[in-house]
Amino acid sequence: MGALPEIVPISDLRARQNEVLAELAHGPIILTQRGRVTAVLVSPRQWNRLFARLQELEAEVEEAEDARDAATIEASVASGEERLWDWSEVEAMLDALPD
């Protein structure tokens, strides 16, 4: 794990703006107000990396959910709980519907 982020009271931000923003190159900065965390500053580069990784993780979760759903369906078909329909059977049922 990396170093702890710098903690800066938001009141100091105005007086040390250039210094604080320069520190973003080293990692995020936690802003506090009245002793409580109010915001976290990150550089645009770090934000883009974090956002890209979040998108990758979301895609991985979606793939895992799809795989889980497919396995559930396969198990239901294998147990006889569900039935797979051949497309020709579906077409025949649709053709048999009244207009």
PDB file of N, CA and C in Angstrom:
ATOM      1  N   MET A   1       0.842  -1.170   0.000  1.00  0.00           N
ATOM      2  CA  MET A   1       0.000   0.000   0.000  1.00  0.00           C
ATOM      3  C   MET A   1       0.889   1.236   0.000  1.00  0.00           C
ATOM      4  N   GLY A   2       0.447   2.290  -0.687  1.00  0.00           N
ATOM      5  CA  GLY A   2       1.246   3.495  -0.800  1.00  0.00           C
ATOM      6  C   GLY A   2       1.189   4.346   0.455  1.00  0.00           C
ATOM      7  N   ALA A   3       1.883   5.458   0.389  1.00  0.00           N
ATOM      8  CA  ALA A   3       1.914   6.390   1.514  1.00  0.00           C
ATOM      9  C   ALA A   3       0.524   6.969   1.742  1.00  0.00           C
ATOM     10  N   LEU A   4       0.278   7.384   2.960  1.00  0.00           N
ATOM     11  CA  LEU A   4      -0.994   8.012   3.279  1.00  0.00           C
ATOM     12  C   LEU A   4      -1.104   9.338   2.534  1.00  0.00           C
ATOM     13  N   PRO A   5      -2.301   9.666   2.048  1.00  0.00           N
ATOM     14  CA  PRO A   5      -2.468  10.948   1.352  1.00  0.00           C
ATOM     15  C   PRO A   5      -2.243  12.119   2.311  1.00  0.00           C
ATOM     16  N   GLU A   6      -1.809  13.216   1.736  1.00  0.00           N
ATOM     17  CA  GLU A   6      -1.648  14.436   2.527  1.00  0.00           C
ATOM     18  C   GLU A   6      -3.036  14.923   2.932  1.00  0.00           C
ATOM     19  N   ILE A   7      -3.140  15.433   4.137  1.00  0.00           N
ATOM     20  CA  ILE A   7      -4.400  15.990   4.634  1.00  0.00           C
ATOM     21  C   ILE A   7      -4.220  17.495   4.746  1.00  0.00           C
ATOM     22  N   VAL A   8      -5.125  18.234   4.103  1.00  0.00           N
ATOM     23  CA  VAL A   8      -5.019  19.688   4.072  1.00  0.00           C
ATOM     24  C   VAL A   8      -6.349  20.289   4.507  1.00  0.00           C
ATOM     25  N   PRO A   9      -6.332  21.142   5.513  1.00  0.00           N
ATOM     26  CA  PRO A   9      -7.570  21.856   5.844  1.00  0.00           C
ATOM     27  C   PRO A   9      -7.977  22.733   4.660  1.00  0.00           C
ATOM     28  N   ILE A  10      -9.256  22.736   4.362  1.00  0.00           N
ATOM     29  CA  ILE A  10      -9.727  23.480   3.195  1.00  0.00           C
ATOM     30  C   ILE A  10      -9.394  24.972   3.325  1.00  0.00           C
ATOM     31  N   SER A  11      -9.300  25.464   4.555  1.00  0.00           N
ATOM     32  CA  SER A  11      -8.937  26.874   4.765  1.00  0.00           C
ATOM     33  C   SER A  11      -7.507  27.145   4.299  1.00  0.00           C
ATOM     34  N   ASP A  12      -6.627  26.134   4.343  1.00  0.00           N
ATOM     35  CA  ASP A  12      -5.245  26.292   3.873  1.00  0.00           C
ATOM     36  C   ASP A  12      -5.145  26.255   2.357  1.00  0.00           C
ATOM     37  N   LEU A  13      -6.140  25.708   1.718  1.00  0.00           N
ATOM     38  CA  LEU A  13      -6.073  25.542   0.256  1.00  0.00           C
ATOM     39  C   LEU A  13      -5.911  26.886  -0.437  1.00  0.00           C
ATOM     40  N   ARG A  14      -6.640  27.889   0.009  1.00  0.00           N
ATOM     41  CA  ARG A  14      -6.572  29.203  -0.629  1.00  0.00           C
ATOM     42  C   ARG A  14      -5.164  29.785  -0.512  1.00  0.00           C
ATOM     43  N   ALA A  15      -4.556  29.670   0.662  1.00  0.00           N
ATOM     44  CA  ALA A  15      -3.233  30.249   0.896  1.00  0.00           C
ATOM     45  C   ALA A  15      -2.123  29.452   0.221  1.00  0.00           C
ATOM     46  N   ARG A  16      -2.314  28.118   0.092  1.00  0.00           N
ATOM     47  CA  ARG A  16      -1.257  27.250  -0.443  1.00  0.00           C
ATOM     48  C   ARG A  16      -1.677  26.569  -1.750  1.00  0.00           C
ATOM     49  N   GLN A  17      -2.538  27.203  -2.508  1.00  0.00           N
ATOM     50  CA  GLN A  17      -3.125  26.580  -3.684  1.00  0.00           C
ATOM     51  C   GLN A  17      -2.091  25.963  -4.625  1.00  0.00           C
ATOM     52  N   ASN A  18      -1.078  26.698  -5.025  1.00  0.00           N
ATOM     53  CA  ASN A  18      -0.085  26.185  -5.956  1.00  0.00           C
ATOM     54  C   ASN A  18       0.684  25.000  -5.378  1.00  0.00           C
ATOM     55  N   GLU A  19       1.054  25.111  -4.103  1.00  0.00           N
ATOM     56  CA  GLU A  19       1.785  24.028  -3.436  1.00  0.00           C
ATOM     57  C   GLU A  19       0.927  22.762  -3.356  1.00  0.00           C
ATOM     58  N   VAL A  20      -0.327  22.928  -2.957  1.00  0.00           N
ATOM     59  CA  VAL A  20      -1.224  21.778  -2.817  1.00  0.00           C
ATOM     60  C   VAL A  20      -1.451  21.119  -4.170  1.00  0.00           C
ATOM     61  N   LEU A  21      -1.712  21.917  -5.189  1.00  0.00           N
ATOM     62  CA  LEU A  21      -1.946  21.346  -6.520  1.00  0.00           C
ATOM     63  C   LEU A  21      -0.696  20.646  -7.059  1.00  0.00           C
ATOM     64  N   ALA A  22       0.485  21.171  -6.738  1.00  0.00           N
ATOM     65  CA  ALA A  22       1.725  20.518  -7.164  1.00  0.00           C
ATOM     66  C   ALA A  22       1.870  19.154  -6.498  1.00  0.00           C
ATOM     67  N   GLU A  23       1.383  19.025  -5.275  1.00  0.00           N
ATOM     68  CA  GLU A  23       1.468  17.753  -4.541  1.00  0.00           C
ATOM     69  C   GLU A  23       0.592  16.662  -5.163  1.00  0.00           C
ATOM     70  N   LEU A  24      -0.367  17.033  -5.999  1.00  0.00           N
ATOM     71  CA  LEU A  24      -1.223  16.033  -6.656  1.00  0.00           C
ATOM     72  C   LEU A  24      -0.416  15.081  -7.527  1.00  0.00           C
ATOM     73  N   ALA A  25       0.763  15.512  -7.957  1.00  0.00           N
ATOM     74  CA  ALA A  25       1.626  14.636  -8.752  1.00  0.00           C
ATOM     75  C   ALA A  25       2.093  13.433  -7.944  1.00  0.00           C
ATOM     76  N   HIS A  26       2.070  13.557  -6.611  1.00  0.00           N
ATOM     77  CA  HIS A  26       2.528  12.479  -5.734  1.00  0.00           C
ATOM     78  C   HIS A  26       1.386  11.617  -5.215  1.00  0.00           C
ATOM     79  N   GLY A  27       0.158  12.024  -5.456  1.00  0.00           N
ATOM     80  CA  GLY A  27      -0.980  11.234  -4.999  1.00  0.00           C
ATOM     81  C   GLY A  27      -2.136  12.119  -4.581  1.00  0.00           C
ATOM     82  N   PRO A  28      -3.211  11.502  -4.158  1.00  0.00           N
ATOM     83  CA  PRO A  28      -4.396  12.275  -3.777  1.00  0.00           C
ATOM     84  C   PRO A  28      -4.153  13.119  -2.520  1.00  0.00           C
ATOM     85  N   ILE A  29      -4.981  14.120  -2.375  1.00  0.00           N
ATOM     86  CA  ILE A  29      -4.929  14.995  -1.206  1.00  0.00           C
ATOM     87  C   ILE A  29      -6.320  15.019  -0.590  1.00  0.00           C
ATOM     88  N   ILE A  30      -6.373  14.812   0.711  1.00  0.00           N
ATOM     89  CA  ILE A  30      -7.639  14.839   1.431  1.00  0.00           C
ATOM     90  C   ILE A  30      -7.852  16.251   1.965  1.00  0.00           C
ATOM     91  N   LEU A  31      -9.011  16.822   1.648  1.00  0.00           N
ATOM     92  CA  LEU A  31      -9.371  18.137   2.174  1.00  0.00           C
ATOM     93  C   LEU A  31     -10.315  17.954   3.350  1.00  0.00           C
ATOM     94  N   THR A  32     -10.045  18.713   4.403  1.00  0.00           N
ATOM     95  CA  THR A  32     -10.902  18.643   5.588  1.00  0.00           C
ATOM     96  C   THR A  32     -11.514  20.005   5.865  1.00  0.00           C
ATOM     97  N   GLN A  33     -12.663  19.961   6.505  1.00  0.00           N
ATOM     98  CA  GLN A  33     -13.320  21.188   6.948  1.00  0.00           C
ATOM     99  C   GLN A  33     -13.833  20.925   8.356  1.00  0.00           C
ATOM    100  N   ARG A  34     -13.412  21.743   9.276  1.00  0.00           N
ATOM    101  CA  ARG A  34     -13.759  21.564  10.692  1.00  0.00           C
ATOM    102  C   ARG A  34     -13.393  20.163  11.182  1.00  0.00           C
ATOM    103  N   GLY A  35     -12.247  19.659  10.720  1.00  0.00           N
ATOM    104  CA  GLY A  35     -11.742  18.369  11.162  1.00  0.00           C
ATOM    105  C   GLY A  35     -12.367  17.158  10.503  1.00  0.00           C
ATOM    106  N   ARG A  36     -13.260  17.366   9.554  1.00  0.00           N
ATOM    107  CA  ARG A  36     -13.911  16.247   8.864  1.00  0.00           C
ATOM    108  C   ARG A  36     -13.531  16.241   7.391  1.00  0.00           C
ATOM    109  N   VAL A  37     -13.388  15.060   6.853  1.00  0.00           N
ATOM    110  CA  VAL A  37     -13.065  14.924   5.429  1.00  0.00           C
ATOM    111  C   VAL A  37     -14.235  15.449   4.609  1.00  0.00           C
ATOM    112  N   THR A  38     -13.928  16.360   3.673  1.00  0.00           N
ATOM    113  CA  THR A  38     -14.981  16.924   2.823  1.00  0.00           C
ATOM    114  C   THR A  38     -14.772  16.612   1.351  1.00  0.00           C
ATOM    115  N   ALA A  39     -13.528  16.332   0.955  1.00  0.00           N
ATOM    116  CA  ALA A  39     -13.262  16.064  -0.456  1.00  0.00           C
ATOM    117  C   ALA A  39     -11.904  15.391  -0.602  1.00  0.00           C
ATOM    118  N   VAL A  40     -11.720  14.765  -1.744  1.00  0.00           N
ATOM    119  CA  VAL A  40     -10.429  14.192  -2.095  1.00  0.00           C
ATOM    120  C   VAL A  40     -10.055  14.729  -3.462  1.00  0.00           C
ATOM    121  N   LEU A  41      -8.884  15.327  -3.553  1.00  0.00           N
ATOM    122  CA  LEU A  41      -8.384  15.829  -4.829  1.00  0.00           C
ATOM    123  C   LEU A  41      -7.465  14.785  -5.454  1.00  0.00           C
ATOM    124  N   VAL A  42      -7.646  14.544  -6.738  1.00  0.00           N
ATOM    125  CA  VAL A  42      -6.740  13.677  -7.484  1.00  0.00           C
ATOM    126  C   VAL A  42      -6.376  14.374  -8.779  1.00  0.00           C
ATOM    127  N   SER A  43      -5.228  14.035  -9.312  1.00  0.00           N
ATOM    128  CA  SER A  43      -4.815  14.629 -10.584  1.00  0.00           C
ATOM    129  C   SER A  43      -5.682  14.068 -11.702  1.00  0.00           C
ATOM    130  N   PRO A  44      -5.817  14.785 -12.809  1.00  0.00           N
ATOM    131  CA  PRO A  44      -6.581  14.258 -13.940  1.00  0.00           C
ATOM    132  C   PRO A  44      -6.025  12.923 -14.434  1.00  0.00           C
ATOM    133  N   ARG A  45      -4.716  12.779 -14.404  1.00  0.00           N
ATOM    134  CA  ARG A  45      -4.096  11.527 -14.854  1.00  0.00           C
ATOM    135  C   ARG A  45      -4.523  10.353 -13.957  1.00  0.00           C
ATOM    136  N   GLN A  46      -4.467  10.579 -12.639  1.00  0.00           N
ATOM    137  CA  GLN A  46      -4.869   9.524 -11.712  1.00  0.00           C
ATOM    138  C   GLN A  46      -6.369   9.247 -11.841  1.00  0.00           C
ATOM    139  N   TRP A  47      -7.154  10.304 -11.989  1.00  0.00           N
ATOM    140  CA  TRP A  47      -8.602  10.121 -12.172  1.00  0.00           C
ATOM    141  C   TRP A  47      -8.875   9.243 -13.390  1.00  0.00           C
ATOM    142  N   ASN A  48      -8.211   9.516 -14.499  1.00  0.00           N
ATOM    143  CA  ASN A  48      -8.418   8.726 -15.715  1.00  0.00           C
ATOM    144  C   ASN A  48      -8.023   7.271 -15.507  1.00  0.00           C
ATOM    145  N   ARG A  49      -6.921   7.029 -14.797  1.00  0.00           N
ATOM    146  CA  ARG A  49      -6.509   5.649 -14.496  1.00  0.00           C
ATOM    147  C   ARG A  49      -7.553   4.955 -13.624  1.00  0.00           C
ATOM    148  N   LEU A  50      -8.006   5.644 -12.584  1.00  0.00           N
ATOM    149  CA  LEU A  50      -9.010   5.058 -11.693  1.00  0.00           C
ATOM    150  C   LEU A  50     -10.310   4.772 -12.427  1.00  0.00           C
ATOM    151  N   PHE A  51     -10.728   5.712 -13.269  1.00  0.00           N
ATOM    152  CA  PHE A  51     -11.980   5.544 -14.012  1.00  0.00           C
ATOM    153  C   PHE A  51     -11.868   4.391 -15.002  1.00  0.00           C
ATOM    154  N   ALA A  52     -10.731   4.288 -15.686  1.00  0.00           N
ATOM    155  CA  ALA A  52     -10.528   3.178 -16.630  1.00  0.00           C
ATOM    156  C   ALA A  52     -10.554   1.843 -15.899  1.00  0.00           C
ATOM    157  N   ARG A  53      -9.916   1.782 -14.733  1.00  0.00           N
ATOM    158  CA  ARG A  53      -9.913   0.531 -13.953  1.00  0.00           C
ATOM    159  C   ARG A  53     -11.314   0.188 -13.466  1.00  0.00           C
ATOM    160  N   LEU A  54     -12.069   1.180 -13.059  1.00  0.00           N
ATOM    161  CA  LEU A  54     -13.449   0.954 -12.642  1.00  0.00           C
ATOM    162  C   LEU A  54     -14.268   0.369 -13.789  1.00  0.00           C
ATOM    163  N   GLN A  55     -14.095   0.895 -14.980  1.00  0.00           N
ATOM    164  CA  GLN A  55     -14.812   0.360 -16.142  1.00  0.00           C
ATOM    165  C   GLN A  55     -14.405  -1.089 -16.411  1.00  0.00           C
ATOM    166  N   GLU A  56     -13.104  -1.389 -16.275  1.00  0.00           N
ATOM    167  CA  GLU A  56     -12.643  -2.771 -16.456  1.00  0.00           C
ATOM    168  C   GLU A  56     -13.300  -3.696 -15.435  1.00  0.00           C
ATOM    169  N   LEU A  57     -13.343  -3.257 -14.185  1.00  0.00           N
ATOM    170  CA  LEU A  57     -13.947  -4.075 -13.126  1.00  0.00           C
ATOM    171  C   LEU A  57     -15.442  -4.274 -13.366  1.00  0.00           C
ATOM    172  N   GLU A  58     -16.120  -3.233 -13.812  1.00  0.00           N
ATOM    173  CA  GLU A  58     -17.550  -3.364 -14.125  1.00  0.00           C
ATOM    174  C   GLU A  58     -17.770  -4.383 -15.235  1.00  0.00           C
ATOM    175  N   ALA A  59     -16.907  -4.357 -16.252  1.00  0.00           N
ATOM    176  CA  ALA A  59     -17.021  -5.320 -17.350  1.00  0.00           C
ATOM    177  C   ALA A  59     -16.764  -6.736 -16.846  1.00  0.00           C
ATOM    178  N   GLU A  60     -15.775  -6.893 -15.956  1.00  0.00           N
ATOM    179  CA  GLU A  60     -15.482  -8.211 -15.390  1.00  0.00           C
ATOM    180  C   GLU A  60     -16.660  -8.733 -14.573  1.00  0.00           C
ATOM    181  N   VAL A  61     -17.285  -7.860 -13.793  1.00  0.00           N
ATOM    182  CA  VAL A  61     -18.445  -8.258 -12.992  1.00  0.00           C
ATOM    183  C   VAL A  61     -19.585  -8.665 -13.914  1.00  0.00           C
ATOM    184  N   GLU A  62     -19.803  -7.901 -14.953  1.00  0.00           N
ATOM    185  CA  GLU A  62     -20.873  -8.213 -15.908  1.00  0.00           C
ATOM    186  C   GLU A  62     -20.635  -9.568 -16.572  1.00  0.00           C
ATOM    187  N   GLU A  63     -19.391  -9.832 -16.962  1.00  0.00           N
ATOM    188  CA  GLU A  63     -19.054 -11.129 -17.563  1.00  0.00           C
ATOM    189  C   GLU A  63     -19.279 -12.265 -16.576  1.00  0.00           C
ATOM    190  N   ALA A  64     -18.903 -12.049 -15.324  1.00  0.00           N
ATOM    191  CA  ALA A  64     -19.084 -13.073 -14.298  1.00  0.00           C
ATOM    192  C   ALA A  64     -20.575 -13.332 -14.059  1.00  0.00           C
ATOM    193  N   GLU A  65     -21.362 -12.268 -14.050  1.00  0.00           N
ATOM    194  CA  GLU A  65     -22.806 -12.434 -13.872  1.00  0.00           C
ATOM    195  C   GLU A  65     -23.410 -13.188 -15.050  1.00  0.00           C
ATOM    196  N   ASP A  66     -22.964 -12.868 -16.272  1.00  0.00           N
ATOM    197  CA  ASP A  66     -23.455 -13.575 -17.462  1.00  0.00           C
ATOM    198  C   ASP A  66     -23.090 -15.058 -17.384  1.00  0.00           C
ATOM    199  N   ALA A  67     -21.859 -15.359 -16.957  1.00  0.00           N
ATOM    200  CA  ALA A  67     -21.416 -16.751 -16.833  1.00  0.00           C
ATOM    201  C   ALA A  67     -22.239 -17.477 -15.774  1.00  0.00           C
ATOM    202  N   ARG A  68     -22.511 -16.796 -14.661  1.00  0.00           N
ATOM    203  CA  ARG A  68     -23.327 -17.392 -13.605  1.00  0.00           C
ATOM    204  C   ARG A  68     -24.739 -17.674 -14.117  1.00  0.00           C
ATOM    205  N   ASP A  69     -25.321 -16.723 -14.846  1.00  0.00           N
ATOM    206  CA  ASP A  69     -26.665 -16.906 -15.398  1.00  0.00           C
ATOM    207  C   ASP A  69     -26.690 -18.070 -16.385  1.00  0.00           C
ATOM    208  N   ALA A  70     -25.665 -18.166 -17.235  1.00  0.00           N
ATOM    209  CA  ALA A  70     -25.600 -19.268 -18.202  1.00  0.00           C
ATOM    210  C   ALA A  70     -25.500 -20.608 -17.484  1.00  0.00           C
ATOM    211  N   ALA A  71     -24.696 -20.664 -16.431  1.00  0.00           N
ATOM    212  CA  ALA A  71     -24.552 -21.908 -15.669  1.00  0.00           C
ATOM    213  C   ALA A  71     -25.869 -22.292 -15.001  1.00  0.00           C
ATOM    214  N   THR A  72     -26.589 -21.305 -14.496  1.00  0.00           N
ATOM    215  CA  THR A  72     -27.887 -21.562 -13.873  1.00  0.00           C
ATOM    216  C   THR A  72     -28.870 -22.118 -14.887  1.00  0.00           C
ATOM    217  N   ILE A  73     -28.887 -21.549 -16.074  1.00  0.00           N
ATOM    218  CA  ILE A  73     -29.792 -22.020 -17.133  1.00  0.00           C
ATOM    219  C   ILE A  73     -29.402 -23.432 -17.564  1.00  0.00           C
ATOM    220  N   GLU A  74     -28.106 -23.654 -17.743  1.00  0.00           N
ATOM    221  CA  GLU A  74     -27.642 -24.990 -18.135  1.00  0.00           C
ATOM    222  C   GLU A  74     -28.043 -26.032 -17.093  1.00  0.00           C
ATOM    223  N   ALA A  75     -27.931 -25.687 -15.811  1.00  0.00           N
ATOM    224  CA  ALA A  75     -28.305 -26.620 -14.747  1.00  0.00           C
ATOM    225  C   ALA A  75     -29.810 -26.883 -14.770  1.00  0.00           C
ATOM    226  N   SER A  76     -30.596 -25.859 -15.030  1.00  0.00           N
ATOM    227  CA  SER A  76     -32.053 -26.025 -15.095  1.00  0.00           C
ATOM    228  C   SER A  76     -32.461 -26.915 -16.259  1.00  0.00           C
ATOM    229  N   VAL A  77     -31.768 -26.752 -17.386  1.00  0.00           N
ATOM    230  CA  VAL A  77     -32.062 -27.597 -18.548  1.00  0.00           C
ATOM    231  C   VAL A  77     -31.632 -29.035 -18.257  1.00  0.00           C
ATOM    232  N   ALA A  78     -30.454 -29.203 -17.684  1.00  0.00           N
ATOM    233  CA  ALA A  78     -29.938 -30.544 -17.389  1.00  0.00           C
ATOM    234  C   ALA A  78     -30.831 -31.286 -16.392  1.00  0.00           C
ATOM    235  N   SER A  79     -31.435 -30.554 -15.453  1.00  0.00           N
ATOM    236  CA  SER A  79     -32.289 -31.203 -14.454  1.00  0.00           C
ATOM    237  C   SER A  79     -33.710 -31.431 -14.962  1.00  0.00           C
ATOM    238  N   GLY A  80     -33.992 -30.896 -16.145  1.00  0.00           N
ATOM    239  CA  GLY A  80     -35.336 -31.042 -16.694  1.00  0.00           C
ATOM    240  C   GLY A  80     -36.297 -29.976 -16.210  1.00  0.00           C
ATOM    241  N   GLU A  81     -35.811 -29.079 -15.399  1.00  0.00           N
ATOM    242  CA  GLU A  81     -36.647 -27.997 -14.874  1.00  0.00           C
ATOM    243  C   GLU A  81     -37.047 -27.007 -15.981  1.00  0.00           C
ATOM    244  N   GLU A  82     -36.147 -26.804 -16.904  1.00  0.00           N
ATOM    245  CA  GLU A  82     -36.389 -25.918 -18.050  1.00  0.00           C
ATOM    246  C   GLU A  82     -36.237 -26.711 -19.335  1.00  0.00           C
ATOM    247  N   ARG A  83     -36.811 -26.191 -20.413  1.00  0.00           N
ATOM    248  CA  ARG A  83     -36.733 -26.865 -21.701  1.00  0.00           C
ATOM    249  C   ARG A  83     -36.187 -25.889 -22.731  1.00  0.00           C
ATOM    250  N   LEU A  84     -35.311 -26.377 -23.587  1.00  0.00           N
ATOM    251  CA  LEU A  84     -34.843 -25.583 -24.711  1.00  0.00           C
ATOM    252  C   LEU A  84     -35.765 -25.839 -25.889  1.00  0.00           C
ATOM    253  N   TRP A  85     -36.099 -24.782 -26.557  1.00  0.00           N
ATOM    254  CA  TRP A  85     -36.983 -24.890 -27.713  1.00  0.00           C
ATOM    255  C   TRP A  85     -36.166 -24.713 -28.982  1.00  0.00           C
ATOM    256  N   ASP A  86     -36.395 -25.556 -29.927  1.00  0.00           N
ATOM    257  CA  ASP A  86     -35.794 -25.421 -31.245  1.00  0.00           C
ATOM    258  C   ASP A  86     -36.493 -24.270 -31.960  1.00  0.00           C
ATOM    259  N   TRP A  87     -35.750 -23.514 -32.748  1.00  0.00           N
ATOM    260  CA  TRP A  87     -36.343 -22.358 -33.420  1.00  0.00           C
ATOM    261  C   TRP A  87     -37.513 -22.771 -34.314  1.00  0.00           C
ATOM    262  N   SER A  88     -37.430 -23.908 -34.947  1.00  0.00           N
ATOM    263  CA  SER A  88     -38.537 -24.350 -35.812  1.00  0.00           C
ATOM    264  C   SER A  88     -39.805 -24.584 -34.980  1.00  0.00           C
ATOM    265  N   GLU A  89     -39.641 -25.041 -33.727  1.00  0.00           N
ATOM    266  CA  GLU A  89     -40.798 -25.213 -32.842  1.00  0.00           C
ATOM    267  C   GLU A  89     -41.414 -23.857 -32.486  1.00  0.00           C
ATOM    268  N   VAL A  90     -40.569 -22.894 -32.236  1.00  0.00           N
ATOM    269  CA  VAL A  90     -41.049 -21.552 -31.901  1.00  0.00           C
ATOM    270  C   VAL A  90     -41.781 -20.961 -33.101  1.00  0.00           C
ATOM    271  N   GLU A  91     -41.210 -21.114 -34.301  1.00  0.00           N
ATOM    272  CA  GLU A  91     -41.860 -20.602 -35.510  1.00  0.00           C
ATOM    273  C   GLU A  91     -43.233 -21.256 -35.698  1.00  0.00           C
ATOM    274  N   ALA A  92     -43.318 -22.547 -35.465  1.00  0.00           N
ATOM    275  CA  ALA A  92     -44.593 -23.261 -35.624  1.00  0.00           C
ATOM    276  C   ALA A  92     -45.614 -22.724 -34.634  1.00  0.00           C
ATOM    277  N   MET A  93     -45.207 -22.472 -33.389  1.00  0.00           N
ATOM    278  CA  MET A  93     -46.130 -21.926 -32.393  1.00  0.00           C
ATOM    279  C   MET A  93     -46.594 -20.528 -32.775  1.00  0.00           C
ATOM    280  N   LEU A  94     -45.673 -19.729 -33.273  1.00  0.00           N
ATOM    281  CA  LEU A  94     -46.028 -18.369 -33.705  1.00  0.00           C
ATOM    282  C   LEU A  94     -46.979 -18.406 -34.889  1.00  0.00           C
ATOM    283  N   ASP A  95     -46.717 -19.309 -35.836  1.00  0.00           N
ATOM    284  CA  ASP A  95     -47.595 -19.428 -37.006  1.00  0.00           C
ATOM    285  C   ASP A  95     -49.000 -19.870 -36.600  1.00  0.00           C
ATOM    286  N   ALA A  96     -49.095 -20.621 -35.510  1.00  0.00           N
ATOM    287  CA  ALA A  96     -50.395 -21.149 -35.062  1.00  0.00           C
ATOM    288  C   ALA A  96     -51.211 -20.089 -34.321  1.00  0.00           C
ATOM    289  N   LEU A  97     -50.603 -18.968 -33.969  1.00  0.00           N
ATOM    290  CA  LEU A  97     -51.334 -17.919 -33.255  1.00  0.00           C
ATOM    291  C   LEU A  97     -52.334 -17.263 -34.187  1.00  0.00           C
ATOM    292  N   PRO A  98     -53.503 -16.905 -33.655  1.00  0.00           N
ATOM    293  CA  PRO A  98     -54.491 -16.193 -34.495  1.00  0.00           C
ATOM    294  C   PRO A  98     -53.972 -14.798 -34.845  1.00  0.00           C
ATOM    295  N   ASP A  99     -54.398 -14.327 -35.977  1.00  0.00           N
ATOM    296  CA  ASP A  99     -53.986 -12.976 -36.420  1.00  0.00           C
ATOM    297  C   ASP A  99     -54.603 -11.927 -35.629  1.00  0.00           C
TER     298      ASP A  99
END
